[in-house]
């Protein structure tokens, strides 16, 4: 798949998420989310969506620093406020994309 198709897929995902819409339609039915720091794996479209919604509700002042789009992958680097006032937590999310669907996500540096 081309980087342009990958960009279209991830843009649609972020657009739906930003609108508060059900972004899980951008995910394969058997999508996975790996919490790289703990090894925990969340599986399935609805469970992954619910995990991401809960994760975002715990991230204060999240900012995307870098977004890299390749042929079948997207890498997002960002940071958010930590529980300690004034501190920030850096994180990275890697997305695997096939066609119009996200098939896997891996979160580094972030956990509920």
PDB file of N, CA and C in Angstrom:
ATOM      1  N   UNK A   1       0.844  -1.171   0.000  1.00  0.00           N
ATOM      2  CA  UNK A   1       0.000   0.000   0.000  1.00  0.00           C
ATOM      3  C   UNK A   1       0.891   1.235   0.000  1.00  0.00           C
ATOM      4  N   UNK A   2       0.440   2.263  -0.643  1.00  0.00           N
ATOM      5  CA  UNK A   2       1.224   3.491  -0.743  1.00  0.00           C
ATOM      6  C   UNK A   2       1.145   4.308   0.544  1.00  0.00           C
ATOM      7  N   UNK A   3       2.124   5.159   0.724  1.00  0.00           N
ATOM      8  CA  UNK A   3       2.114   6.070   1.868  1.00  0.00           C
ATOM      9  C   UNK A   3       0.898   6.989   1.806  1.00  0.00           C
ATOM     10  N   UNK A   4       0.446   7.329   0.604  1.00  0.00           N
ATOM     11  CA  UNK A   4      -0.733   8.194   0.454  1.00  0.00           C
ATOM     12  C   UNK A   4      -1.985   7.509   0.996  1.00  0.00           C
ATOM     13  N   UNK A   5      -2.163   6.214   0.694  1.00  0.00           N
ATOM     14  CA  UNK A   5      -3.318   5.464   1.228  1.00  0.00           C
ATOM     15  C   UNK A   5      -3.216   5.350   2.743  1.00  0.00           C
ATOM     16  N   UNK A   6      -2.011   5.097   3.248  1.00  0.00           N
ATOM     17  CA  UNK A   6      -1.806   5.023   4.694  1.00  0.00           C
ATOM     18  C   UNK A   6      -2.184   6.346   5.343  1.00  0.00           C
ATOM     19  N   UNK A   7      -1.772   7.458   4.736  1.00  0.00           N
ATOM     20  CA  UNK A   7      -2.097   8.784   5.270  1.00  0.00           C
ATOM     21  C   UNK A   7      -3.604   9.023   5.262  1.00  0.00           C
ATOM     22  N   UNK A   8      -4.287   8.594   4.217  1.00  0.00           N
ATOM     23  CA  UNK A   8      -5.739   8.741   4.136  1.00  0.00           C
ATOM     24  C   UNK A   8      -6.417   7.963   5.267  1.00  0.00           C
ATOM     25  N   UNK A   9      -5.959   6.741   5.499  1.00  0.00           N
ATOM     26  CA  UNK A   9      -6.544   5.899   6.546  1.00  0.00           C
ATOM     27  C   UNK A   9      -6.333   6.503   7.923  1.00  0.00           C
ATOM     28  N   UNK A  10      -5.112   6.926   8.239  1.00  0.00           N
ATOM     29  CA  UNK A  10      -4.841   7.464   9.574  1.00  0.00           C
ATOM     30  C   UNK A  10      -5.516   8.822   9.763  1.00  0.00           C
ATOM     31  N   UNK A  11      -5.626   9.610   8.700  1.00  0.00           N
ATOM     32  CA  UNK A  11      -6.310  10.907   8.798  1.00  0.00           C
ATOM     33  C   UNK A  11      -7.786  10.717   9.119  1.00  0.00           C
ATOM     34  N   UNK A  12      -8.396   9.733   8.496  1.00  0.00           N
ATOM     35  CA  UNK A  12      -9.809   9.441   8.772  1.00  0.00           C
ATOM     36  C   UNK A  12      -9.976   9.015  10.231  1.00  0.00           C
ATOM     37  N   UNK A  13      -9.085   8.178  10.722  1.00  0.00           N
ATOM     38  CA  UNK A  13      -9.105   7.725  12.116  1.00  0.00           C
ATOM     39  C   UNK A  13      -9.010   8.924  13.068  1.00  0.00           C
ATOM     40  N   UNK A  14      -8.036   9.799  12.839  1.00  0.00           N
ATOM     41  CA  UNK A  14      -7.865  10.963  13.705  1.00  0.00           C
ATOM     42  C   UNK A  14      -9.043  11.932  13.579  1.00  0.00           C
ATOM     43  N   UNK A  15      -9.587  12.092  12.379  1.00  0.00           N
ATOM     44  CA  UNK A  15     -10.743  12.970  12.192  1.00  0.00           C
ATOM     45  C   UNK A  15     -11.945  12.474  12.988  1.00  0.00           C
ATOM     46  N   UNK A  16     -12.241  11.184  12.874  1.00  0.00           N
ATOM     47  CA  UNK A  16     -13.364  10.619  13.633  1.00  0.00           C
ATOM     48  C   UNK A  16     -13.131  10.759  15.132  1.00  0.00           C
ATOM     49  N   UNK A  17     -11.920  10.489  15.574  1.00  0.00           N
ATOM     50  CA  UNK A  17     -11.588  10.611  16.987  1.00  0.00           C
ATOM     51  C   UNK A  17     -11.793  12.053  17.456  1.00  0.00           C
ATOM     52  N   UNK A  18     -11.341  13.001  16.667  1.00  0.00           N
ATOM     53  CA  UNK A  18     -11.471  14.413  17.018  1.00  0.00           C
ATOM     54  C   UNK A  18     -12.909  14.896  17.070  1.00  0.00           C
ATOM     55  N   UNK A  19     -13.785  14.249  16.311  1.00  0.00           N
ATOM     56  CA  UNK A  19     -15.206  14.602  16.296  1.00  0.00           C
ATOM     57  C   UNK A  19     -15.983  13.912  17.413  1.00  0.00           C
ATOM     58  N   UNK A  20     -15.309  13.030  18.148  1.00  0.00           N
ATOM     59  CA  UNK A  20     -15.996  12.266  19.180  1.00  0.00           C
ATOM     60  C   UNK A  20     -16.829  11.132  18.590  1.00  0.00           C
ATOM     61  N   UNK A  21     -16.595  10.808  17.319  1.00  0.00           N
ATOM     62  CA  UNK A  21     -17.324   9.738  16.636  1.00  0.00           C
ATOM     63  C   UNK A  21     -16.645   8.397  16.907  1.00  0.00           C
ATOM     64  N   UNK A  22     -17.307   7.321  16.512  1.00  0.00           N
ATOM     65  CA  UNK A  22     -16.770   5.979  16.721  1.00  0.00           C
ATOM     66  C   UNK A  22     -15.663   5.700  15.717  1.00  0.00           C
ATOM     67  N   UNK A  23     -14.442   5.913  16.152  1.00  0.00           N
ATOM     68  CA  UNK A  23     -13.276   5.733  15.289  1.00  0.00           C
ATOM     69  C   UNK A  23     -12.925   4.263  15.090  1.00  0.00           C
ATOM     70  N   UNK A  24     -13.588   3.366  15.811  1.00  0.00           N
ATOM     71  CA  UNK A  24     -13.256   1.940  15.704  1.00  0.00           C
ATOM     72  C   UNK A  24     -13.564   1.382  14.314  1.00  0.00           C
ATOM     73  N   UNK A  25     -14.388   2.065  13.541  1.00  0.00           N
ATOM     74  CA  UNK A  25     -14.671   1.594  12.184  1.00  0.00           C
ATOM     75  C   UNK A  25     -13.418   1.648  11.305  1.00  0.00           C
ATOM     76  N   UNK A  26     -12.398   2.359  11.751  1.00  0.00           N
ATOM     77  CA  UNK A  26     -11.132   2.422  11.022  1.00  0.00           C
ATOM     78  C   UNK A  26     -10.206   1.265  11.388  1.00  0.00           C
ATOM     79  N   UNK A  27     -10.657   0.405  12.296  1.00  0.00           N
ATOM     80  CA  UNK A  27      -9.837  -0.703  12.774  1.00  0.00           C
ATOM     81  C   UNK A  27     -10.371  -2.036  12.266  1.00  0.00           C
ATOM     82  N   UNK A  28      -9.449  -2.960  12.030  1.00  0.00           N
ATOM     83  CA  UNK A  28      -9.840  -4.319  11.667  1.00  0.00           C
ATOM     84  C   UNK A  28     -10.586  -4.954  12.849  1.00  0.00           C
ATOM     85  N   UNK A  29     -11.493  -5.884  12.584  1.00  0.00           N
ATOM     86  CA  UNK A  29     -12.217  -6.526  13.691  1.00  0.00           C
ATOM     87  C   UNK A  29     -11.295  -7.172  14.725  1.00  0.00           C
ATOM     88  N   UNK A  30     -10.136  -7.660  14.302  1.00  0.00           N
ATOM     89  CA  UNK A  30      -9.202  -8.321  15.212  1.00  0.00           C
ATOM     90  C   UNK A  30      -7.991  -7.446  15.555  1.00  0.00           C
ATOM     91  N   UNK A  31      -8.164  -6.133  15.491  1.00  0.00           N
ATOM     92  CA  UNK A  31      -7.084  -5.196  15.804  1.00  0.00           C
ATOM     93  C   UNK A  31      -6.549  -5.470  17.210  1.00  0.00           C
ATOM     94  N   UNK A  32      -5.272  -5.178  17.403  1.00  0.00           N
ATOM     95  CA  UNK A  32      -4.667  -5.323  18.728  1.00  0.00           C
ATOM     96  C   UNK A  32      -4.004  -4.013  19.153  1.00  0.00           C
ATOM     97  N   UNK A  33      -3.958  -3.805  20.447  1.00  0.00           N
ATOM     98  CA  UNK A  33      -3.200  -2.718  21.066  1.00  0.00           C
ATOM     99  C   UNK A  33      -2.248  -3.376  22.045  1.00  0.00           C
ATOM    100  N   UNK A  34      -0.965  -3.164  21.856  1.00  0.00           N
ATOM    101  CA  UNK A  34       0.057  -3.684  22.754  1.00  0.00           C
ATOM    102  C   UNK A  34       0.538  -2.554  23.648  1.00  0.00           C
ATOM    103  N   UNK A  35       0.455  -2.747  24.959  1.00  0.00           N
ATOM    104  CA  UNK A  35       1.056  -1.828  25.914  1.00  0.00           C
ATOM    105  C   UNK A  35       2.499  -2.306  26.054  1.00  0.00           C
ATOM    106  N   UNK A  36       3.396  -1.709  25.302  1.00  0.00           N
ATOM    107  CA  UNK A  36       4.764  -2.215  25.196  1.00  0.00           C
ATOM    108  C   UNK A  36       5.482  -2.250  26.550  1.00  0.00           C
ATOM    109  N   UNK A  37       5.170  -1.321  27.423  1.00  0.00           N
ATOM    110  CA  UNK A  37       5.869  -1.251  28.704  1.00  0.00           C
ATOM    111  C   UNK A  37       5.518  -2.407  29.637  1.00  0.00           C
ATOM    112  N   UNK A  38       4.319  -2.999  29.458  1.00  0.00           N
ATOM    113  CA  UNK A  38       3.873  -4.084  30.341  1.00  0.00           C
ATOM    114  C   UNK A  38       3.682  -5.408  29.612  1.00  0.00           C
ATOM    115  N   UNK A  39       3.573  -5.370  28.297  1.00  0.00           N
ATOM    116  CA  UNK A  39       3.313  -6.576  27.521  1.00  0.00           C
ATOM    117  C   UNK A  39       1.837  -6.912  27.393  1.00  0.00           C
ATOM    118  N   UNK A  40       0.970  -6.123  28.031  1.00  0.00           N
ATOM    119  CA  UNK A  40      -0.476  -6.376  27.945  1.00  0.00           C
ATOM    120  C   UNK A  40      -0.961  -6.171  26.507  1.00  0.00           C
ATOM    121  N   UNK A  41      -1.844  -7.058  26.047  1.00  0.00           N
ATOM    122  CA  UNK A  41      -2.419  -6.946  24.715  1.00  0.00           C
ATOM    123  C   UNK A  41      -3.934  -6.848  24.842  1.00  0.00           C
ATOM    124  N   UNK A  42      -4.493  -5.821  24.235  1.00  0.00           N
ATOM    125  CA  UNK A  42      -5.941  -5.652  24.160  1.00  0.00           C
ATOM    126  C   UNK A  42      -6.329  -6.041  22.746  1.00  0.00           C
ATOM    127  N   UNK A  43      -7.348  -6.887  22.618  1.00  0.00           N
ATOM    128  CA  UNK A  43      -7.730  -7.402  21.310  1.00  0.00           C
ATOM    129  C   UNK A  43      -9.186  -7.094  20.990  1.00  0.00           C
ATOM    130  N   UNK A  44      -9.442  -6.816  19.712  1.00  0.00           N
ATOM    131  CA  UNK A  44     -10.801  -6.610  19.235  1.00  0.00           C
ATOM    132  C   UNK A  44     -11.146  -5.135  19.103  1.00  0.00           C
ATOM    133  N   UNK A  45     -11.907  -4.836  18.090  1.00  0.00           N
ATOM    134  CA  UNK A  45     -12.262  -3.461  17.730  1.00  0.00           C
ATOM    135  C   UNK A  45     -12.865  -2.681  18.899  1.00  0.00           C
ATOM    136  N   UNK A  46     -13.860  -3.240  19.552  1.00  0.00           N
ATOM    137  CA  UNK A  46     -14.544  -2.504  20.629  1.00  0.00           C
ATOM    138  C   UNK A  46     -13.668  -2.366  21.869  1.00  0.00           C
ATOM    139  N   UNK A  47     -12.958  -3.433  22.236  1.00  0.00           N
ATOM    140  CA  UNK A  47     -12.088  -3.367  23.416  1.00  0.00           C
ATOM    141  C   UNK A  47     -10.949  -2.375  23.214  1.00  0.00           C
ATOM    142  N   UNK A  48     -10.370  -2.358  22.015  1.00  0.00           N
ATOM    143  CA  UNK A  48      -9.296  -1.401  21.728  1.00  0.00           C
ATOM    144  C   UNK A  48      -9.845   0.019  21.768  1.00  0.00           C
ATOM    145  N   UNK A  49     -11.012   0.233  21.154  1.00  0.00           N
ATOM    146  CA  UNK A  49     -11.626   1.568  21.194  1.00  0.00           C
ATOM    147  C   UNK A  49     -11.832   2.019  22.631  1.00  0.00           C
ATOM    148  N   UNK A  50     -12.415   1.155  23.457  1.00  0.00           N
ATOM    149  CA  UNK A  50     -12.688   1.517  24.848  1.00  0.00           C
ATOM    150  C   UNK A  50     -11.391   1.819  25.607  1.00  0.00           C
ATOM    151  N   UNK A  51     -10.338   1.063  25.335  1.00  0.00           N
ATOM    152  CA  UNK A  51      -9.051   1.302  25.980  1.00  0.00           C
ATOM    153  C   UNK A  51      -8.505   2.679  25.577  1.00  0.00           C
ATOM    154  N   UNK A  52      -8.579   2.986  24.297  1.00  0.00           N
ATOM    155  CA  UNK A  52      -8.058   4.277  23.809  1.00  0.00           C
ATOM    156  C   UNK A  52      -8.851   5.439  24.395  1.00  0.00           C
ATOM    157  N   UNK A  53     -10.166   5.307  24.466  1.00  0.00           N
ATOM    158  CA  UNK A  53     -10.996   6.370  25.053  1.00  0.00           C
ATOM    159  C   UNK A  53     -10.601   6.587  26.516  1.00  0.00           C
ATOM    160  N   UNK A  54     -10.437   5.498  27.265  1.00  0.00           N
ATOM    161  CA  UNK A  54     -10.027   5.619  28.675  1.00  0.00           C
ATOM    162  C   UNK A  54      -8.625   6.209  28.782  1.00  0.00           C
ATOM    163  N   UNK A  55      -7.737   5.783  27.907  1.00  0.00           N
ATOM    164  CA  UNK A  55      -6.372   6.299  27.908  1.00  0.00           C
ATOM    165  C   UNK A  55      -6.372   7.805  27.662  1.00  0.00           C
ATOM    166  N   UNK A  56      -7.115   8.242  26.668  1.00  0.00           N
ATOM    167  CA  UNK A  56      -7.161   9.673  26.356  1.00  0.00           C
ATOM    168  C   UNK A  56      -7.773  10.490  27.487  1.00  0.00           C
ATOM    169  N   UNK A  57      -8.710   9.906  28.213  1.00  0.00           N
ATOM    170  CA  UNK A  57      -9.314  10.653  29.324  1.00  0.00           C
ATOM    171  C   UNK A  57      -8.327  10.850  30.467  1.00  0.00           C
ATOM    172  N   UNK A  58      -7.266  10.036  30.504  1.00  0.00           N
ATOM    173  CA  UNK A  58      -6.263  10.191  31.551  1.00  0.00           C
ATOM    174  C   UNK A  58      -5.054  11.016  31.098  1.00  0.00           C
ATOM    175  N   UNK A  59      -5.061  11.430  29.837  1.00  0.00           N
ATOM    176  CA  UNK A  59      -3.933  12.200  29.294  1.00  0.00           C
ATOM    177  C   UNK A  59      -4.320  13.684  29.273  1.00  0.00           C
ATOM    178  N   UNK A  60      -3.639  14.465  30.077  1.00  0.00           N
ATOM    179  CA  UNK A  60      -3.922  15.893  30.171  1.00  0.00           C
ATOM    180  C   UNK A  60      -2.999  16.652  29.219  1.00  0.00           C
ATOM    181  N   UNK A  61      -3.561  17.558  28.466  1.00  0.00           N
ATOM    182  CA  UNK A  61      -2.774  18.422  27.579  1.00  0.00           C
ATOM    183  C   UNK A  61      -1.888  17.620  26.630  1.00  0.00           C
ATOM    184  N   UNK A  62      -2.470  16.595  25.998  1.00  0.00           N
ATOM    185  CA  UNK A  62      -1.693  15.773  25.060  1.00  0.00           C
ATOM    186  C   UNK A  62      -1.348  16.582  23.813  1.00  0.00           C
ATOM    187  N   UNK A  63      -0.113  16.428  23.362  1.00  0.00           N
ATOM    188  CA  UNK A  63       0.354  17.125  22.165  1.00  0.00           C
ATOM    189  C   UNK A  63       1.105  16.155  21.272  1.00  0.00           C
ATOM    190  N   UNK A  64       0.787  16.203  19.992  1.00  0.00           N
ATOM    191  CA  UNK A  64       1.537  15.423  19.012  1.00  0.00           C
ATOM    192  C   UNK A  64       2.752  16.230  18.620  1.00  0.00           C
ATOM    193  N   UNK A  65       3.912  15.600  18.689  1.00  0.00           N
ATOM    194  CA  UNK A  65       5.164  16.264  18.318  1.00  0.00           C
ATOM    195  C   UNK A  65       5.570  15.901  16.898  1.00  0.00           C
ATOM    196  N   UNK A  66       5.459  14.618  16.556  1.00  0.00           N
ATOM    197  CA  UNK A  66       5.893  14.140  15.249  1.00  0.00           C
ATOM    198  C   UNK A  66       4.922  13.080  14.762  1.00  0.00           C
ATOM    199  N   UNK A  67       4.605  13.114  13.482  1.00  0.00           N
ATOM    200  CA  UNK A  67       3.801  12.083  12.848  1.00  0.00           C
ATOM    201  C   UNK A  67       4.529  11.681  11.574  1.00  0.00           C
ATOM    202  N   UNK A  68       4.932  10.406  11.507  1.00  0.00           N
ATOM    203  CA  UNK A  68       5.656   9.891  10.354  1.00  0.00           C
ATOM    204  C   UNK A  68       4.776   8.850   9.678  1.00  0.00           C
ATOM    205  N   UNK A  69       4.556   9.022   8.378  1.00  0.00           N
ATOM    206  CA  UNK A  69       3.733   8.098   7.602  1.00  0.00           C
ATOM    207  C   UNK A  69       4.619   7.377   6.595  1.00  0.00           C
ATOM    208  N   UNK A  70       4.557   6.053   6.613  1.00  0.00           N
ATOM    209  CA  UNK A  70       5.287   5.215   5.656  1.00  0.00           C
ATOM    210  C   UNK A  70       4.255   4.401   4.873  1.00  0.00           C
ATOM    211  N   UNK A  71       4.706   3.430   4.094  1.00  0.00           N
ATOM    212  CA  UNK A  71       3.787   2.667   3.255  1.00  0.00           C
ATOM    213  C   UNK A  71       2.697   1.949   4.044  1.00  0.00           C
ATOM    214  N   UNK A  72       3.026   1.247   5.099  1.00  0.00           N
ATOM    215  CA  UNK A  72       2.033   0.491   5.865  1.00  0.00           C
ATOM    216  C   UNK A  72       2.075   0.798   7.356  1.00  0.00           C
ATOM    217  N   UNK A  73       2.750   1.871   7.727  1.00  0.00           N
ATOM    218  CA  UNK A  73       2.912   2.195   9.134  1.00  0.00           C
ATOM    219  C   UNK A  73       2.820   3.690   9.362  1.00  0.00           C
ATOM    220  N   UNK A  74       2.400   4.025  10.573  1.00  0.00           N
ATOM    221  CA  UNK A  74       2.399   5.408  11.028  1.00  0.00           C
ATOM    222  C   UNK A  74       3.021   5.411  12.421  1.00  0.00           C
ATOM    223  N   UNK A  75       3.830   6.414  12.691  1.00  0.00           N
ATOM    224  CA  UNK A  75       4.463   6.560  13.992  1.00  0.00           C
ATOM    225  C   UNK A  75       4.135   7.948  14.525  1.00  0.00           C
ATOM    226  N   UNK A  76       3.552   7.975  15.723  1.00  0.00           N
ATOM    227  CA  UNK A  76       3.166   9.228  16.354  1.00  0.00           C
ATOM    228  C   UNK A  76       3.980   9.384  17.627  1.00  0.00           C
ATOM    229  N   UNK A  77       4.642  10.518  17.748  1.00  0.00           N
ATOM    230  CA  UNK A  77       5.387  10.834  18.957  1.00  0.00           C
ATOM    231  C   UNK A  77       4.727  12.038  19.597  1.00  0.00           C
ATOM    232  N   UNK A  78       4.511  11.965  20.905  1.00  0.00           N
ATOM    233  CA  UNK A  78       3.873  13.082  21.584  1.00  0.00           C
ATOM    234  C   UNK A  78       4.254  13.137  23.041  1.00  0.00           C
ATOM    235  N   UNK A  79       3.579  14.035  23.744  1.00  0.00           N
ATOM    236  CA  UNK A  79       3.756  14.121  25.187  1.00  0.00           C
ATOM    237  C   UNK A  79       2.467  14.620  25.802  1.00  0.00           C
ATOM    238  N   UNK A  80       2.341  14.398  27.112  1.00  0.00           N
ATOM    239  CA  UNK A  80       1.178  14.869  27.849  1.00  0.00           C
ATOM    240  C   UNK A  80       1.610  15.187  29.271  1.00  0.00           C
ATOM    241  N   UNK A  81       0.767  15.929  29.974  1.00  0.00           N
ATOM    242  CA  UNK A  81       1.070  16.274  31.356  1.00  0.00           C
ATOM    243  C   UNK A  81       1.020  15.015  32.210  1.00  0.00           C
ATOM    244  N   UNK A  82       1.957  14.894  33.121  1.00  0.00           N
ATOM    245  CA  UNK A  82       1.985  13.768  34.051  1.00  0.00           C
ATOM    246  C   UNK A  82       1.258  14.167  35.327  1.00  0.00           C
ATOM    247  N   UNK A  83       1.097  13.204  36.228  1.00  0.00           N
ATOM    248  CA  UNK A  83       0.419  13.496  37.487  1.00  0.00           C
ATOM    249  C   UNK A  83       1.190  14.502  38.326  1.00  0.00           C
ATOM    250  N   UNK A  84       2.506  14.528  38.182  1.00  0.00           N
ATOM    251  CA  UNK A  84       3.327  15.486  38.908  1.00  0.00           C
ATOM    252  C   UNK A  84       3.255  16.825  38.165  1.00  0.00           C
ATOM    253  N   UNK A  85       2.851  17.868  38.862  1.00  0.00           N
ATOM    254  CA  UNK A  85       2.698  19.175  38.236  1.00  0.00           C
ATOM    255  C   UNK A  85       4.016  19.618  37.606  1.00  0.00           C
ATOM    256  N   UNK A  86       3.926  20.054  36.372  1.00  0.00           N
ATOM    257  CA  UNK A  86       5.092  20.557  35.674  1.00  0.00           C
ATOM    258  C   UNK A  86       5.849  19.499  34.889  1.00  0.00           C
ATOM    259  N   UNK A  87       5.613  18.236  35.174  1.00  0.00           N
ATOM    260  CA  UNK A  87       6.309  17.169  34.450  1.00  0.00           C
ATOM    261  C   UNK A  87       5.496  16.750  33.235  1.00  0.00           C
ATOM    262  N   UNK A  88       6.175  16.261  32.219  1.00  0.00           N
ATOM    263  CA  UNK A  88       5.500  15.761  31.031  1.00  0.00           C
ATOM    264  C   UNK A  88       5.974  14.346  30.761  1.00  0.00           C
ATOM    265  N   UNK A  89       5.091  13.543  30.210  1.00  0.00           N
ATOM    266  CA  UNK A  89       5.401  12.173  29.837  1.00  0.00           C
ATOM    267  C   UNK A  89       5.470  12.089  28.324  1.00  0.00           C
ATOM    268  N   UNK A  90       6.538  11.529  27.806  1.00  0.00           N
ATOM    269  CA  UNK A  90       6.676  11.341  26.360  1.00  0.00           C
ATOM    270  C   UNK A  90       6.197   9.945  25.993  1.00  0.00           C
ATOM    271  N   UNK A  91       5.607   9.816  24.817  1.00  0.00           N
ATOM    272  CA  UNK A  91       5.112   8.524  24.366  1.00  0.00           C
ATOM    273  C   UNK A  91       5.222   8.416  22.850  1.00  0.00           C
ATOM    274  N   UNK A  92       5.073   7.187  22.380  1.00  0.00           N
ATOM    275  CA  UNK A  92       5.065   6.910  20.947  1.00  0.00           C
ATOM    276  C   UNK A  92       4.001   5.849  20.693  1.00  0.00           C
ATOM    277  N   UNK A  93       3.267   6.007  19.600  1.00  0.00           N
ATOM    278  CA  UNK A  93       2.312   4.993  19.168  1.00  0.00           C
ATOM    279  C   UNK A  93       2.678   4.605  17.741  1.00  0.00           C
ATOM    280  N   UNK A  94       2.811   3.301  17.516  1.00  0.00           N
ATOM    281  CA  UNK A  94       3.080   2.769  16.178  1.00  0.00           C
ATOM    282  C   UNK A  94       1.811   2.086  15.680  1.00  0.00           C
ATOM    283  N   UNK A  95       1.423   2.405  14.460  1.00  0.00           N
ATOM    284  CA  UNK A  95       0.218   1.842  13.841  1.00  0.00           C
ATOM    285  C   UNK A  95       0.625   1.000  12.641  1.00  0.00           C
ATOM    286  N   UNK A  96       0.059  -0.203  12.523  1.00  0.00           N
ATOM    287  CA  UNK A  96       0.201  -1.025  11.325  1.00  0.00           C
ATOM    288  C   UNK A  96      -1.106  -0.899  10.549  1.00  0.00           C
ATOM    289  N   UNK A  97      -1.009  -0.638   9.273  1.00  0.00           N
ATOM    290  CA  UNK A  97      -2.196  -0.387   8.460  1.00  0.00           C
ATOM    291  C   UNK A  97      -2.180  -1.274   7.228  1.00  0.00           C
ATOM    292  N   UNK A  98      -3.340  -1.859   6.937  1.00  0.00           N
ATOM    293  CA  UNK A  98      -3.511  -2.672   5.740  1.00  0.00           C
ATOM    294  C   UNK A  98      -4.762  -2.168   5.018  1.00  0.00           C
ATOM    295  N   UNK A  99      -4.561  -1.610   3.849  1.00  0.00           N
ATOM    296  CA  UNK A  99      -5.705  -1.059   3.114  1.00  0.00           C
ATOM    297  C   UNK A  99      -6.287   0.127   3.849  1.00  0.00           C
ATOM    298  N   UNK A 100      -7.566   0.025   4.164  1.00  0.00           N
ATOM    299  CA  UNK A 100      -8.258   1.124   4.847  1.00  0.00           C
ATOM    300  C   UNK A 100      -8.440   0.871   6.338  1.00  0.00           C
ATOM    301  N   UNK A 101      -7.736  -0.135   6.880  1.00  0.00           N
ATOM    302  CA  UNK A 101      -7.937  -0.496   8.280  1.00  0.00           C
ATOM    303  C   UNK A 101      -6.630  -0.545   9.063  1.00  0.00           C
ATOM    304  N   UNK A 102      -6.704  -0.124  10.303  1.00  0.00           N
ATOM    305  CA  UNK A 102      -5.599  -0.263  11.238  1.00  0.00           C
ATOM    306  C   UNK A 102      -5.668  -1.692  11.778  1.00  0.00           C
ATOM    307  N   UNK A 103      -4.561  -2.425  11.690  1.00  0.00           N
ATOM    308  CA  UNK A 103      -4.568  -3.820  12.121  1.00  0.00           C
ATOM    309  C   UNK A 103      -3.894  -4.033  13.476  1.00  0.00           C
ATOM    310  N   UNK A 104      -3.008  -3.128  13.857  1.00  0.00           N
ATOM    311  CA  UNK A 104      -2.328  -3.253  15.152  1.00  0.00           C
ATOM    312  C   UNK A 104      -1.803  -1.889  15.583  1.00  0.00           C
ATOM    313  N   UNK A 105      -1.748  -1.700  16.899  1.00  0.00           N
ATOM    314  CA  UNK A 105      -1.182  -0.487  17.486  1.00  0.00           C
ATOM    315  C   UNK A 105      -0.305  -0.901  18.654  1.00  0.00           C
ATOM    316  N   UNK A 106       0.783  -0.174  18.834  1.00  0.00           N
ATOM    317  CA  UNK A 106       1.681  -0.416  19.945  1.00  0.00           C
ATOM    318  C   UNK A 106       1.952   0.914  20.637  1.00  0.00           C
ATOM    319  N   UNK A 107       1.680   0.969  21.926  1.00  0.00           N
ATOM    320  CA  UNK A 107       1.917   2.186  22.694  1.00  0.00           C
ATOM    321  C   UNK A 107       3.154   2.039  23.550  1.00  0.00           C
ATOM    322  N   UNK A 108       4.061   2.978  23.438  1.00  0.00           N
ATOM    323  CA  UNK A 108       5.308   2.983  24.207  1.00  0.00           C
ATOM    324  C   UNK A 108       5.306   4.201  25.127  1.00  0.00           C
ATOM    325  N   UNK A 109       5.537   3.955  26.414  1.00  0.00           N
ATOM    326  CA  UNK A 109       5.622   5.061  27.364  1.00  0.00           C
ATOM    327  C   UNK A 109       4.282   5.524  27.907  1.00  0.00           C
ATOM    328  N   UNK A 110       3.200   4.810  27.548  1.00  0.00           N
ATOM    329  CA  UNK A 110       1.875   5.187  28.057  1.00  0.00           C
ATOM    330  C   UNK A 110       1.160   3.948  28.539  1.00  0.00           C
ATOM    331  N   UNK A 111       0.463   4.088  29.650  1.00  0.00           N
ATOM    332  CA  UNK A 111      -0.281   2.988  30.243  1.00  0.00           C
ATOM    333  C   UNK A 111      -1.345   3.593  31.144  1.00  0.00           C
ATOM    334  N   UNK A 112      -2.461   2.910  31.290  1.00  0.00           N
ATOM    335  CA  UNK A 112      -3.516   3.390  32.189  1.00  0.00           C
ATOM    336  C   UNK A 112      -3.164   3.137  33.630  1.00  0.00           C
TER     337      UNK A 112
END
